[in-house]
Amino acid sequence: MTTRQKLRLVEEGGLKAMEGTPGEPLMADVGDADLVLEACFSNQVWTALLFAENLTPDFFDLSSGHAGAVLQRLRNYGVRLAVVCPPDAVRFSTRFEEMVAEERRGRYFGLFDTRDAAWAWIGQ
């Protein structure tokens, strides 16, 4: 499956976002955040909706630095990221949960149990 197939432009309720494919890996390392940026730029959208399995294997372990690097890269270009991660789908490091709590105050990153909740946030 090509990157183009793993990320697709989705429009719902007048909102547009690049969306990852559930169950498919997309980012092998933090440099692959550029794949999301390229897709966003190509389609002139500034929001991405990814699923937990689209992210690097260590994204949810804050000590790896993956989450910080990916989020900063997207934020530098004004791209918002909604991540769908159902309860118990992955194990979060303690520090990751703290980072999510901090990010809730901003508008560039959100973590959601369902795709519908992620789309609601995208519309804010």
PDB file of N, CA and C in Angstrom:
ATOM      1  N   MET A   1       0.853  -1.175   0.000  1.00  0.00           N
ATOM      2  CA  MET A   1       0.000   0.000   0.000  1.00  0.00           C
ATOM      3  C   MET A   1       0.899   1.238   0.000  1.00  0.00           C
ATOM      4  N   THR A   2       0.639   2.158  -0.894  1.00  0.00           N
ATOM      5  CA  THR A   2       1.443   3.365  -0.985  1.00  0.00           C
ATOM      6  C   THR A   2       1.003   4.387   0.056  1.00  0.00           C
ATOM      7  N   THR A   3       1.847   5.378   0.265  1.00  0.00           N
ATOM      8  CA  THR A   3       1.505   6.450   1.201  1.00  0.00           C
ATOM      9  C   THR A   3       0.211   7.124   0.782  1.00  0.00           C
ATOM     10  N   ARG A   4       0.028   7.295  -0.518  1.00  0.00           N
ATOM     11  CA  ARG A   4      -1.180   7.933  -1.024  1.00  0.00           C
ATOM     12  C   ARG A   4      -2.426   7.155  -0.612  1.00  0.00           C
ATOM     13  N   GLN A   5      -2.329   5.839  -0.549  1.00  0.00           N
ATOM     14  CA  GLN A   5      -3.460   5.019  -0.136  1.00  0.00           C
ATOM     15  C   GLN A   5      -3.630   5.023   1.384  1.00  0.00           C
ATOM     16  N   LYS A   6      -2.556   5.248   2.120  1.00  0.00           N
ATOM     17  CA  LYS A   6      -2.626   5.242   3.578  1.00  0.00           C
ATOM     18  C   LYS A   6      -3.147   6.561   4.146  1.00  0.00           C
ATOM     19  N   LEU A   7      -3.080   7.622   3.352  1.00  0.00           N
ATOM     20  CA  LEU A   7      -3.611   8.928   3.729  1.00  0.00           C
ATOM     21  C   LEU A   7      -4.556   9.377   2.634  1.00  0.00           C
ATOM     22  N   ARG A   8      -5.764   9.728   3.017  1.00  0.00           N
ATOM     23  CA  ARG A   8      -6.718  10.172   2.013  1.00  0.00           C
ATOM     24  C   ARG A   8      -7.407  11.438   2.496  1.00  0.00           C
ATOM     25  N   LEU A   9      -7.807  12.243   1.548  1.00  0.00           N
ATOM     26  CA  LEU A   9      -8.548  13.446   1.860  1.00  0.00           C
ATOM     27  C   LEU A   9      -9.992  13.054   2.158  1.00  0.00           C
ATOM     28  N   VAL A  10     -10.471  13.472   3.319  1.00  0.00           N
ATOM     29  CA  VAL A  10     -11.844  13.182   3.727  1.00  0.00           C
ATOM     30  C   VAL A  10     -12.545  14.508   3.989  1.00  0.00           C
ATOM     31  N   GLU A  11     -13.767  14.609   3.499  1.00  0.00           N
ATOM     32  CA  GLU A  11     -14.584  15.796   3.761  1.00  0.00           C
ATOM     33  C   GLU A  11     -15.909  15.334   4.348  1.00  0.00           C
ATOM     34  N   GLU A  12     -16.221  15.873   5.524  1.00  0.00           N
ATOM     35  CA  GLU A  12     -17.476  15.552   6.197  1.00  0.00           C
ATOM     36  C   GLU A  12     -18.012  16.820   6.835  1.00  0.00           C
ATOM     37  N   GLY A  13     -19.243  17.101   6.588  1.00  0.00           N
ATOM     38  CA  GLY A  13     -19.875  18.265   7.201  1.00  0.00           C
ATOM     39  C   GLY A  13     -19.157  19.564   6.928  1.00  0.00           C
ATOM     40  N   GLY A  14     -18.582  19.688   5.733  1.00  0.00           N
ATOM     41  CA  GLY A  14     -17.871  20.907   5.376  1.00  0.00           C
ATOM     42  C   GLY A  14     -16.449  20.983   5.914  1.00  0.00           C
ATOM     43  N   LEU A  15     -16.018  19.965   6.652  1.00  0.00           N
ATOM     44  CA  LEU A  15     -14.658  19.926   7.199  1.00  0.00           C
ATOM     45  C   LEU A  15     -13.806  18.995   6.354  1.00  0.00           C
ATOM     46  N   LYS A  16     -12.548  19.358   6.184  1.00  0.00           N
ATOM     47  CA  LYS A  16     -11.613  18.532   5.426  1.00  0.00           C
ATOM     48  C   LYS A  16     -10.428  18.167   6.304  1.00  0.00           C
ATOM     49  N   ALA A  17      -9.939  16.949   6.112  1.00  0.00           N
ATOM     50  CA  ALA A  17      -8.743  16.503   6.825  1.00  0.00           C
ATOM     51  C   ALA A  17      -8.095  15.377   6.038  1.00  0.00           C
ATOM     52  N   MET A  18      -6.817  15.219   6.231  1.00  0.00           N
ATOM     53  CA  MET A  18      -6.122  14.043   5.718  1.00  0.00           C
ATOM     54  C   MET A  18      -6.308  12.966   6.772  1.00  0.00           C
ATOM     55  N   GLU A  19      -6.781  11.806   6.345  1.00  0.00           N
ATOM     56  CA  GLU A  19      -7.068  10.743   7.298  1.00  0.00           C
ATOM     57  C   GLU A  19      -6.239   9.505   6.998  1.00  0.00           C
ATOM     58  N   GLY A  20      -5.666   8.941   8.057  1.00  0.00           N
ATOM     59  CA  GLY A  20      -4.927   7.698   7.935  1.00  0.00           C
ATOM     60  C   GLY A  20      -5.877   6.519   7.786  1.00  0.00           C
ATOM     61  N   THR A  21      -5.317   5.393   7.407  1.00  0.00           N
ATOM     62  CA  THR A  21      -6.096   4.170   7.262  1.00  0.00           C
ATOM     63  C   THR A  21      -6.041   3.391   8.566  1.00  0.00           C
ATOM     64  N   PRO A  22      -7.196   3.112   9.164  1.00  0.00           N
ATOM     65  CA  PRO A  22      -7.188   2.342  10.419  1.00  0.00           C
ATOM     66  C   PRO A  22      -6.475   0.995  10.230  1.00  0.00           C
ATOM     67  N   GLY A  23      -5.670   0.641  11.215  1.00  0.00           N
ATOM     68  CA  GLY A  23      -4.989  -0.642  11.198  1.00  0.00           C
ATOM     69  C   GLY A  23      -3.730  -0.698  10.360  1.00  0.00           C
ATOM     70  N   GLU A  24      -3.380   0.391   9.692  1.00  0.00           N
ATOM     71  CA  GLU A  24      -2.205   0.404   8.820  1.00  0.00           C
ATOM     72  C   GLU A  24      -1.093   1.282   9.395  1.00  0.00           C
ATOM     73  N   PRO A  25       0.125   0.768   9.462  1.00  0.00           N
ATOM     74  CA  PRO A  25       1.237   1.628   9.867  1.00  0.00           C
ATOM     75  C   PRO A  25       1.491   2.693   8.803  1.00  0.00           C
ATOM     76  N   LEU A  26       1.893   3.855   9.238  1.00  0.00           N
ATOM     77  CA  LEU A  26       2.214   4.945   8.324  1.00  0.00           C
ATOM     78  C   LEU A  26       3.598   5.499   8.626  1.00  0.00           C
ATOM     79  N   MET A  27       3.870   5.776   9.896  1.00  0.00           N
ATOM     80  CA  MET A  27       5.141   6.370  10.299  1.00  0.00           C
ATOM     81  C   MET A  27       6.045   5.311  10.920  1.00  0.00           C
ATOM     82  N   ALA A  28       7.154   5.041  10.246  1.00  0.00           N
ATOM     83  CA  ALA A  28       8.140   4.119  10.805  1.00  0.00           C
ATOM     84  C   ALA A  28       9.063   4.851  11.776  1.00  0.00           C
ATOM     85  N   ASP A  29       9.278   6.138  11.500  1.00  0.00           N
ATOM     86  CA  ASP A  29      10.093   6.970  12.392  1.00  0.00           C
ATOM     87  C   ASP A  29       9.571   8.401  12.332  1.00  0.00           C
ATOM     88  N   VAL A  30      10.129   9.266  13.159  1.00  0.00           N
ATOM     89  CA  VAL A  30       9.597  10.629  13.271  1.00  0.00           C
ATOM     90  C   VAL A  30       9.727  11.419  11.977  1.00  0.00           C
ATOM     91  N   GLY A  31      10.692  11.091  11.154  1.00  0.00           N
ATOM     92  CA  GLY A  31      10.842  11.775   9.871  1.00  0.00           C
ATOM     93  C   GLY A  31       9.648  11.579   8.954  1.00  0.00           C
ATOM     94  N   ASP A  32       8.891  10.526   9.214  1.00  0.00           N
ATOM     95  CA  ASP A  32       7.712  10.262   8.389  1.00  0.00           C
ATOM     96  C   ASP A  32       6.567  11.225   8.670  1.00  0.00           C
ATOM     97  N   ALA A  33       6.737  12.111   9.623  1.00  0.00           N
ATOM     98  CA  ALA A  33       5.749  13.191   9.805  1.00  0.00           C
ATOM     99  C   ALA A  33       5.680  14.022   8.530  1.00  0.00           C
ATOM    100  N   ASP A  34       6.764  14.021   7.772  1.00  0.00           N
ATOM    101  CA  ASP A  34       6.773  14.755   6.499  1.00  0.00           C
ATOM    102  C   ASP A  34       5.754  14.193   5.513  1.00  0.00           C
ATOM    103  N   LEU A  35       5.435  12.906   5.613  1.00  0.00           N
ATOM    104  CA  LEU A  35       4.412  12.317   4.747  1.00  0.00           C
ATOM    105  C   LEU A  35       3.062  12.985   4.996  1.00  0.00           C
ATOM    106  N   VAL A  36       2.784  13.240   6.258  1.00  0.00           N
ATOM    107  CA  VAL A  36       1.530  13.908   6.623  1.00  0.00           C
ATOM    108  C   VAL A  36       1.556  15.346   6.124  1.00  0.00           C
ATOM    109  N   LEU A  37       2.667  16.014   6.338  1.00  0.00           N
ATOM    110  CA  LEU A  37       2.784  17.399   5.871  1.00  0.00           C
ATOM    111  C   LEU A  37       2.618  17.492   4.363  1.00  0.00           C
ATOM    112  N   GLU A  38       3.285  16.617   3.625  1.00  0.00           N
ATOM    113  CA  GLU A  38       3.194  16.642   2.169  1.00  0.00           C
ATOM    114  C   GLU A  38       1.753  16.434   1.711  1.00  0.00           C
ATOM    115  N   ALA A  39       1.060  15.495   2.339  1.00  0.00           N
ATOM    116  CA  ALA A  39      -0.335  15.235   1.975  1.00  0.00           C
ATOM    117  C   ALA A  39      -1.209  16.448   2.286  1.00  0.00           C
ATOM    118  N   CYS A  40      -0.981  17.066   3.434  1.00  0.00           N
ATOM    119  CA  CYS A  40      -1.751  18.258   3.795  1.00  0.00           C
ATOM    120  C   CYS A  40      -1.488  19.393   2.813  1.00  0.00           C
ATOM    121  N   PHE A  41      -0.224  19.651   2.512  1.00  0.00           N
ATOM    122  CA  PHE A  41       0.120  20.735   1.591  1.00  0.00           C
ATOM    123  C   PHE A  41      -0.477  20.475   0.209  1.00  0.00           C
ATOM    124  N   SER A  42      -0.369  19.242  -0.264  1.00  0.00           N
ATOM    125  CA  SER A  42      -0.874  18.892  -1.596  1.00  0.00           C
ATOM    126  C   SER A  42      -2.373  19.102  -1.712  1.00  0.00           C
ATOM    127  N   ASN A  43      -3.072  18.918  -0.614  1.00  0.00           N
ATOM    128  CA  ASN A  43      -4.529  19.031  -0.623  1.00  0.00           C
ATOM    129  C   ASN A  43      -5.048  20.305   0.030  1.00  0.00           C
ATOM    130  N   GLN A  44      -4.131  21.158   0.446  1.00  0.00           N
ATOM    131  CA  GLN A  44      -4.457  22.435   1.080  1.00  0.00           C
ATOM    132  C   GLN A  44      -5.408  22.265   2.260  1.00  0.00           C
ATOM    133  N   VAL A  45      -5.060  21.326   3.142  1.00  0.00           N
ATOM    134  CA  VAL A  45      -5.786  21.144   4.398  1.00  0.00           C
ATOM    135  C   VAL A  45      -4.785  21.251   5.540  1.00  0.00           C
ATOM    136  N   TRP A  46      -5.270  21.641   6.701  1.00  0.00           N
ATOM    137  CA  TRP A  46      -4.376  21.906   7.824  1.00  0.00           C
ATOM    138  C   TRP A  46      -4.720  21.055   9.040  1.00  0.00           C
ATOM    139  N   THR A  47      -5.391  19.931   8.791  1.00  0.00           N
ATOM    140  CA  THR A  47      -5.739  19.013   9.861  1.00  0.00           C
ATOM    141  C   THR A  47      -5.526  17.584   9.375  1.00  0.00           C
ATOM    142  N   ALA A  48      -4.985  16.755  10.263  1.00  0.00           N
ATOM    143  CA  ALA A  48      -4.819  15.330   9.975  1.00  0.00           C
ATOM    144  C   ALA A  48      -5.510  14.532  11.070  1.00  0.00           C
ATOM    145  N   LEU A  49      -6.147  13.454  10.676  1.00  0.00           N
ATOM    146  CA  LEU A  49      -6.763  12.527  11.612  1.00  0.00           C
ATOM    147  C   LEU A  49      -6.053  11.188  11.418  1.00  0.00           C
ATOM    148  N   LEU A  50      -5.330  10.776  12.438  1.00  0.00           N
ATOM    149  CA  LEU A  50      -4.606   9.511  12.371  1.00  0.00           C
ATOM    150  C   LEU A  50      -5.103   8.569  13.444  1.00  0.00           C
ATOM    151  N   PHE A  51      -4.857   7.310  13.237  1.00  0.00           N
ATOM    152  CA  PHE A  51      -5.197   6.266  14.197  1.00  0.00           C
ATOM    153  C   PHE A  51      -3.913   5.835  14.897  1.00  0.00           C
ATOM    154  N   ALA A  52      -4.031   5.310  16.096  1.00  0.00           N
ATOM    155  CA  ALA A  52      -2.865   4.946  16.900  1.00  0.00           C
ATOM    156  C   ALA A  52      -1.867   4.118  16.097  1.00  0.00           C
ATOM    157  N   GLU A  53      -2.371   3.192  15.305  1.00  0.00           N
ATOM    158  CA  GLU A  53      -1.481   2.313  14.554  1.00  0.00           C
ATOM    159  C   GLU A  53      -0.794   3.006  13.380  1.00  0.00           C
ATOM    160  N   ASN A  54      -1.206   4.232  13.040  1.00  0.00           N
ATOM    161  CA  ASN A  54      -0.537   5.006  11.995  1.00  0.00           C
ATOM    162  C   ASN A  54       0.750   5.651  12.492  1.00  0.00           C
ATOM    163  N   LEU A  55       0.899   5.750  13.803  1.00  0.00           N
ATOM    164  CA  LEU A  55       2.020   6.476  14.404  1.00  0.00           C
ATOM    165  C   LEU A  55       3.224   5.571  14.629  1.00  0.00           C
ATOM    166  N   THR A  56       4.349   6.182  14.945  1.00  0.00           N
ATOM    167  CA  THR A  56       5.552   5.384  15.206  1.00  0.00           C
ATOM    168  C   THR A  56       5.295   4.446  16.381  1.00  0.00           C
ATOM    169  N   PRO A  57       5.978   3.316  16.422  1.00  0.00           N
ATOM    170  CA  PRO A  57       5.751   2.364  17.508  1.00  0.00           C
ATOM    171  C   PRO A  57       5.965   2.944  18.911  1.00  0.00           C
ATOM    172  N   ASP A  58       6.833   3.941  19.027  1.00  0.00           N
ATOM    173  CA  ASP A  58       7.135   4.517  20.336  1.00  0.00           C
ATOM    174  C   ASP A  58       6.445   5.860  20.593  1.00  0.00           C
ATOM    175  N   PHE A  59       5.501   6.232  19.771  1.00  0.00           N
ATOM    176  CA  PHE A  59       4.855   7.535  19.904  1.00  0.00           C
ATOM    177  C   PHE A  59       4.266   7.746  21.294  1.00  0.00           C
ATOM    178  N   PHE A  60       3.684   6.722  21.872  1.00  0.00           N
ATOM    179  CA  PHE A  60       2.981   6.863  23.150  1.00  0.00           C
ATOM    180  C   PHE A  60       3.888   6.730  24.366  1.00  0.00           C
ATOM    181  N   ASP A  61       5.184   6.543  24.133  1.00  0.00           N
ATOM    182  CA  ASP A  61       6.188   6.542  25.200  1.00  0.00           C
ATOM    183  C   ASP A  61       6.928   7.869  25.091  1.00  0.00           C
ATOM    184  N   LEU A  62       6.553   8.813  25.917  1.00  0.00           N
ATOM    185  CA  LEU A  62       7.091  10.170  25.795  1.00  0.00           C
ATOM    186  C   LEU A  62       8.611  10.204  25.911  1.00  0.00           C
ATOM    187  N   SER A  63       9.198   9.264  26.640  1.00  0.00           N
ATOM    188  CA  SER A  63      10.655   9.254  26.792  1.00  0.00           C
ATOM    189  C   SER A  63      11.373   8.986  25.472  1.00  0.00           C
ATOM    190  N   SER A  64      10.666   8.442  24.486  1.00  0.00           N
ATOM    191  CA  SER A  64      11.288   8.165  23.181  1.00  0.00           C
ATOM    192  C   SER A  64      11.531   9.454  22.398  1.00  0.00           C
ATOM    193  N   GLY A  65      10.776  10.493  22.709  1.00  0.00           N
ATOM    194  CA  GLY A  65      10.883  11.742  21.972  1.00  0.00           C
ATOM    195  C   GLY A  65      10.070  11.771  20.687  1.00  0.00           C
ATOM    196  N   HIS A  66       9.450  10.650  20.329  1.00  0.00           N
ATOM    197  CA  HIS A  66       8.712  10.590  19.070  1.00  0.00           C
ATOM    198  C   HIS A  66       7.515  11.527  19.051  1.00  0.00           C
ATOM    199  N   ALA A  67       6.714  11.512  20.091  1.00  0.00           N
ATOM    200  CA  ALA A  67       5.528  12.372  20.118  1.00  0.00           C
ATOM    201  C   ALA A  67       5.933  13.838  20.017  1.00  0.00           C
ATOM    202  N   GLY A  68       6.896  14.243  20.791  1.00  0.00           N
ATOM    203  CA  GLY A  68       7.330  15.634  20.769  1.00  0.00           C
ATOM    204  C   GLY A  68       7.847  16.055  19.411  1.00  0.00           C
ATOM    205  N   ALA A  69       8.638  15.202  18.771  1.00  0.00           N
ATOM    206  CA  ALA A  69       9.204  15.531  17.464  1.00  0.00           C
ATOM    207  C   ALA A  69       8.116  15.619  16.395  1.00  0.00           C
ATOM    208  N   VAL A  70       7.208  14.660  16.390  1.00  0.00           N
ATOM    209  CA  VAL A  70       6.133  14.660  15.391  1.00  0.00           C
ATOM    210  C   VAL A  70       5.223  15.861  15.602  1.00  0.00           C
ATOM    211  N   LEU A  71       4.798  16.088  16.834  1.00  0.00           N
ATOM    212  CA  LEU A  71       3.880  17.191  17.104  1.00  0.00           C
ATOM    213  C   LEU A  71       4.520  18.543  16.806  1.00  0.00           C
ATOM    214  N   GLN A  72       5.782  18.702  17.143  1.00  0.00           N
ATOM    215  CA  GLN A  72       6.456  19.978  16.873  1.00  0.00           C
ATOM    216  C   GLN A  72       6.587  20.213  15.376  1.00  0.00           C
ATOM    217  N   ARG A  73       6.909  19.165  14.645  1.00  0.00           N
ATOM    218  CA  ARG A  73       7.045  19.287  13.188  1.00  0.00           C
ATOM    219  C   ARG A  73       5.719  19.734  12.571  1.00  0.00           C
ATOM    220  N   LEU A  74       4.628  19.106  12.971  1.00  0.00           N
ATOM    221  CA  LEU A  74       3.318  19.483  12.430  1.00  0.00           C
ATOM    222  C   LEU A  74       2.934  20.892  12.866  1.00  0.00           C
ATOM    223  N   ARG A  75       3.169  21.194  14.126  1.00  0.00           N
ATOM    224  CA  ARG A  75       2.827  22.520  14.667  1.00  0.00           C
ATOM    225  C   ARG A  75       3.608  23.621  13.951  1.00  0.00           C
ATOM    226  N   ASN A  76       4.858  23.371  13.622  1.00  0.00           N
ATOM    227  CA  ASN A  76       5.672  24.368  12.907  1.00  0.00           C
ATOM    228  C   ASN A  76       5.016  24.811  11.607  1.00  0.00           C
ATOM    229  N   TYR A  77       4.247  23.925  11.004  1.00  0.00           N
ATOM    230  CA  TYR A  77       3.581  24.233   9.740  1.00  0.00           C
ATOM    231  C   TYR A  77       2.082  24.474   9.900  1.00  0.00           C
ATOM    232  N   GLY A  78       1.616  24.594  11.135  1.00  0.00           N
ATOM    233  CA  GLY A  78       0.228  24.923  11.389  1.00  0.00           C
ATOM    234  C   GLY A  78      -0.750  23.792  11.160  1.00  0.00           C
ATOM    235  N   VAL A  79      -0.265  22.543  11.205  1.00  0.00           N
ATOM    236  CA  VAL A  79      -1.139  21.391  10.982  1.00  0.00           C
ATOM    237  C   VAL A  79      -1.595  20.829  12.323  1.00  0.00           C
ATOM    238  N   ARG A  80      -2.903  20.725  12.485  1.00  0.00           N
ATOM    239  CA  ARG A  80      -3.497  20.145  13.695  1.00  0.00           C
ATOM    240  C   ARG A  80      -3.563  18.626  13.533  1.00  0.00           C
ATOM    241  N   LEU A  81      -3.421  17.906  14.647  1.00  0.00           N
ATOM    242  CA  LEU A  81      -3.448  16.448  14.607  1.00  0.00           C
ATOM    243  C   LEU A  81      -4.448  15.900  15.612  1.00  0.00           C
ATOM    244  N   ALA A  82      -5.410  15.140  15.111  1.00  0.00           N
ATOM    245  CA  ALA A  82      -6.349  14.393  15.953  1.00  0.00           C
ATOM    246  C   ALA A  82      -5.948  12.922  15.854  1.00  0.00           C
ATOM    247  N   VAL A  83      -5.789  12.268  16.997  1.00  0.00           N
ATOM    248  CA  VAL A  83      -5.418  10.855  17.019  1.00  0.00           C
ATOM    249  C   VAL A  83      -6.545  10.061  17.664  1.00  0.00           C
ATOM    250  N   VAL A  84      -6.974   9.018  16.964  1.00  0.00           N
ATOM    251  CA  VAL A  84      -7.993   8.115  17.481  1.00  0.00           C
ATOM    252  C   VAL A  84      -7.276   6.932  18.120  1.00  0.00           C
ATOM    253  N   CYS A  85      -7.514   6.781  19.423  1.00  0.00           N
ATOM    254  CA  CYS A  85      -6.874   5.711  20.184  1.00  0.00           C
ATOM    255  C   CYS A  85      -7.885   5.190  21.204  1.00  0.00           C
ATOM    256  N   PRO A  86      -8.589   4.116  20.842  1.00  0.00           N
ATOM    257  CA  PRO A  86      -9.584   3.578  21.774  1.00  0.00           C
ATOM    258  C   PRO A  86      -8.947   3.174  23.101  1.00  0.00           C
ATOM    259  N   PRO A  87      -9.723   3.173  24.176  1.00  0.00           N
ATOM    260  CA  PRO A  87      -9.182   2.778  25.485  1.00  0.00           C
ATOM    261  C   PRO A  87      -8.521   1.399  25.400  1.00  0.00           C
ATOM    262  N   ASP A  88      -7.392   1.287  26.049  1.00  0.00           N
ATOM    263  CA  ASP A  88      -6.622   0.041  26.124  1.00  0.00           C
ATOM    264  C   ASP A  88      -6.038  -0.423  24.794  1.00  0.00           C
ATOM    265  N   ALA A  89      -6.058   0.430  23.753  1.00  0.00           N
ATOM    266  CA  ALA A  89      -5.480   0.045  22.464  1.00  0.00           C
ATOM    267  C   ALA A  89      -3.954   0.033  22.535  1.00  0.00           C
ATOM    268  N   VAL A  90      -3.398   0.972  23.273  1.00  0.00           N
ATOM    269  CA  VAL A  90      -1.948   1.041  23.479  1.00  0.00           C
ATOM    270  C   VAL A  90      -1.687   1.426  24.927  1.00  0.00           C
ATOM    271  N   ARG A  91      -0.484   1.191  25.346  1.00  0.00           N
ATOM    272  CA  ARG A  91      -0.094   1.563  26.702  1.00  0.00           C
ATOM    273  C   ARG A  91       0.631   2.909  26.653  1.00  0.00           C
ATOM    274  N   PHE A  92       0.139   3.856  27.425  1.00  0.00           N
ATOM    275  CA  PHE A  92       0.757   5.180  27.501  1.00  0.00           C
ATOM    276  C   PHE A  92       1.782   5.210  28.621  1.00  0.00           C
ATOM    277  N   SER A  93       2.868   5.931  28.393  1.00  0.00           N
ATOM    278  CA  SER A  93       3.772   6.210  29.497  1.00  0.00           C
ATOM    279  C   SER A  93       3.100   7.247  30.393  1.00  0.00           C
ATOM    280  N   THR A  94       3.514   7.320  31.642  1.00  0.00           N
ATOM    281  CA  THR A  94       2.943   8.295  32.570  1.00  0.00           C
ATOM    282  C   THR A  94       3.120   9.707  32.037  1.00  0.00           C
ATOM    283  N   ARG A  95       4.273   9.993  31.529  1.00  0.00           N
ATOM    284  CA  ARG A  95       4.546  11.335  31.004  1.00  0.00           C
ATOM    285  C   ARG A  95       3.703  11.649  29.771  1.00  0.00           C
ATOM    286  N   PHE A  96       3.365  10.637  28.993  1.00  0.00           N
ATOM    287  CA  PHE A  96       2.518  10.874  27.826  1.00  0.00           C
ATOM    288  C   PHE A  96       1.152  11.385  28.272  1.00  0.00           C
ATOM    289  N   GLU A  97       0.594  10.768  29.284  1.00  0.00           N
ATOM    290  CA  GLU A  97      -0.701  11.214  29.798  1.00  0.00           C
ATOM    291  C   GLU A  97      -0.630  12.654  30.293  1.00  0.00           C
ATOM    292  N   GLU A  98       0.495  13.036  30.898  1.00  0.00           N
ATOM    293  CA  GLU A  98       0.677  14.415  31.346  1.00  0.00           C
ATOM    294  C   GLU A  98       0.732  15.368  30.149  1.00  0.00           C
ATOM    295  N   MET A  99       1.419  14.950  29.092  1.00  0.00           N
ATOM    296  CA  MET A  99       1.515  15.772  27.891  1.00  0.00           C
ATOM    297  C   MET A  99       0.140  15.962  27.263  1.00  0.00           C
ATOM    298  N   VAL A 100      -0.668  14.909  27.204  1.00  0.00           N
ATOM    299  CA  VAL A 100      -2.014  15.011  26.648  1.00  0.00           C
ATOM    300  C   VAL A 100      -2.849  16.003  27.448  1.00  0.00           C
ATOM    301  N   ALA A 101      -2.739  15.940  28.760  1.00  0.00           N
ATOM    302  CA  ALA A 101      -3.473  16.877  29.612  1.00  0.00           C
ATOM    303  C   ALA A 101      -3.054  18.317  29.311  1.00  0.00           C
ATOM    304  N   GLU A 102      -1.791  18.538  29.129  1.00  0.00           N
ATOM    305  CA  GLU A 102      -1.275  19.872  28.796  1.00  0.00           C
ATOM    306  C   GLU A 102      -1.767  20.313  27.416  1.00  0.00           C
ATOM    307  N   GLU A 103      -1.744  19.416  26.456  1.00  0.00           N
ATOM    308  CA  GLU A 103      -2.141  19.733  25.080  1.00  0.00           C
ATOM    309  C   GLU A 103      -3.631  20.047  24.965  1.00  0.00           C
ATOM    310  N   ARG A 104      -4.433  19.557  25.884  1.00  0.00           N
ATOM    311  CA  ARG A 104      -5.881  19.821  25.833  1.00  0.00           C
ATOM    312  C   ARG A 104      -6.175  21.324  25.901  1.00  0.00           C
ATOM    313  N   ARG A 105      -5.257  22.088  26.428  1.00  0.00           N
ATOM    314  CA  ARG A 105      -5.448  23.535  26.522  1.00  0.00           C
ATOM    315  C   ARG A 105      -5.226  24.231  25.186  1.00  0.00           C
ATOM    316  N   GLY A 106      -4.515  23.560  24.300  1.00  0.00           N
ATOM    317  CA  GLY A 106      -4.226  24.141  22.985  1.00  0.00           C
ATOM    318  C   GLY A 106      -5.168  23.618  21.923  1.00  0.00           C
ATOM    319  N   ARG A 107      -4.828  23.891  20.679  1.00  0.00           N
ATOM    320  CA  ARG A 107      -5.693  23.465  19.585  1.00  0.00           C
ATOM    321  C   ARG A 107      -4.975  22.663  18.506  1.00  0.00           C
ATOM    322  N   TYR A 108      -3.732  22.239  18.782  1.00  0.00           N
ATOM    323  CA  TYR A 108      -2.960  21.548  17.751  1.00  0.00           C
ATOM    324  C   TYR A 108      -2.928  20.039  17.883  1.00  0.00           C
ATOM    325  N   PHE A 109      -3.287  19.497  19.036  1.00  0.00           N
ATOM    326  CA  PHE A 109      -3.248  18.050  19.222  1.00  0.00           C
ATOM    327  C   PHE A 109      -4.390  17.606  20.118  1.00  0.00           C
ATOM    328  N   GLY A 110      -5.056  16.555  19.684  1.00  0.00           N
ATOM    329  CA  GLY A 110      -6.112  15.974  20.490  1.00  0.00           C
ATOM    330  C   GLY A 110      -6.067  14.458  20.383  1.00  0.00           C
ATOM    331  N   LEU A 111      -6.377  13.797  21.481  1.00  0.00           N
ATOM    332  CA  LEU A 111      -6.414  12.341  21.555  1.00  0.00           C
ATOM    333  C   LEU A 111      -7.843  11.932  21.894  1.00  0.00           C
ATOM    334  N   PHE A 112      -8.410  11.010  21.113  1.00  0.00           N
ATOM    335  CA  PHE A 112      -9.824  10.700  21.227  1.00  0.00           C
ATOM    336  C   PHE A 112     -10.072   9.201  21.195  1.00  0.00           C
ATOM    337  N   ASP A 113     -11.137   8.786  21.883  1.00  0.00           N
ATOM    338  CA  ASP A 113     -11.513   7.374  21.920  1.00  0.00           C
ATOM    339  C   ASP A 113     -12.133   6.911  20.609  1.00  0.00           C
ATOM    340  N   THR A 114     -12.808   7.832  19.919  1.00  0.00           N
ATOM    341  CA  THR A 114     -13.531   7.461  18.702  1.00  0.00           C
ATOM    342  C   THR A 114     -13.248   8.443  17.572  1.00  0.00           C
ATOM    343  N   ARG A 115     -13.508   7.987  16.376  1.00  0.00           N
ATOM    344  CA  ARG A 115     -13.357   8.845  15.202  1.00  0.00           C
ATOM    345  C   ARG A 115     -14.366   9.997  15.264  1.00  0.00           C
ATOM    346  N   ASP A 116     -15.579   9.723  15.703  1.00  0.00           N
ATOM    347  CA  ASP A 116     -16.585  10.787  15.801  1.00  0.00           C
ATOM    348  C   ASP A 116     -16.140  11.897  16.745  1.00  0.00           C
ATOM    349  N   ALA A 117     -15.558  11.531  17.866  1.00  0.00           N
ATOM    350  CA  ALA A 117     -15.056  12.533  18.813  1.00  0.00           C
ATOM    351  C   ALA A 117     -13.924  13.345  18.184  1.00  0.00           C
ATOM    352  N   ALA A 118     -13.077  12.686  17.413  1.00  0.00           N
ATOM    353  CA  ALA A 118     -11.986  13.391  16.728  1.00  0.00           C
ATOM    354  C   ALA A 118     -12.546  14.392  15.723  1.00  0.00           C
ATOM    355  N   TRP A 119     -13.563  14.002  14.940  1.00  0.00           N
ATOM    356  CA  TRP A 119     -14.170  14.917  13.974  1.00  0.00           C
ATOM    357  C   TRP A 119     -14.840  16.094  14.669  1.00  0.00           C
ATOM    358  N   ALA A 120     -15.433  15.858  15.806  1.00  0.00           N
ATOM    359  CA  ALA A 120     -16.042  16.965  16.562  1.00  0.00           C
ATOM    360  C   ALA A 120     -14.977  17.985  16.944  1.00  0.00           C
ATOM    361  N   TRP A 121     -13.818  17.521  17.367  1.00  0.00           N
ATOM    362  CA  TRP A 121     -12.712  18.413  17.733  1.00  0.00           C
ATOM    363  C   TRP A 121     -12.185  19.157  16.503  1.00  0.00           C
ATOM    364  N   ILE A 122     -12.090  18.458  15.395  1.00  0.00           N
ATOM    365  CA  ILE A 122     -11.621  19.095  14.159  1.00  0.00           C
ATOM    366  C   ILE A 122     -12.504  20.291  13.816  1.00  0.00           C
ATOM    367  N   GLY A 123     -13.797  20.169  14.087  1.00  0.00           N
ATOM    368  CA  GLY A 123     -14.734  21.243  13.766  1.00  0.00           C
ATOM    369  C   GLY A 123     -14.677  22.433  14.702  1.00  0.00           C
ATOM    370  N   GLN A 124     -13.902  22.341  15.757  1.00  0.00           N
ATOM    371  CA  GLN A 124     -13.829  23.463  16.712  1.00  0.00           C
ATOM    372  C   GLN A 124     -12.902  24.545  16.225  1.00  0.00           C
TER     373      GLN A 124
END
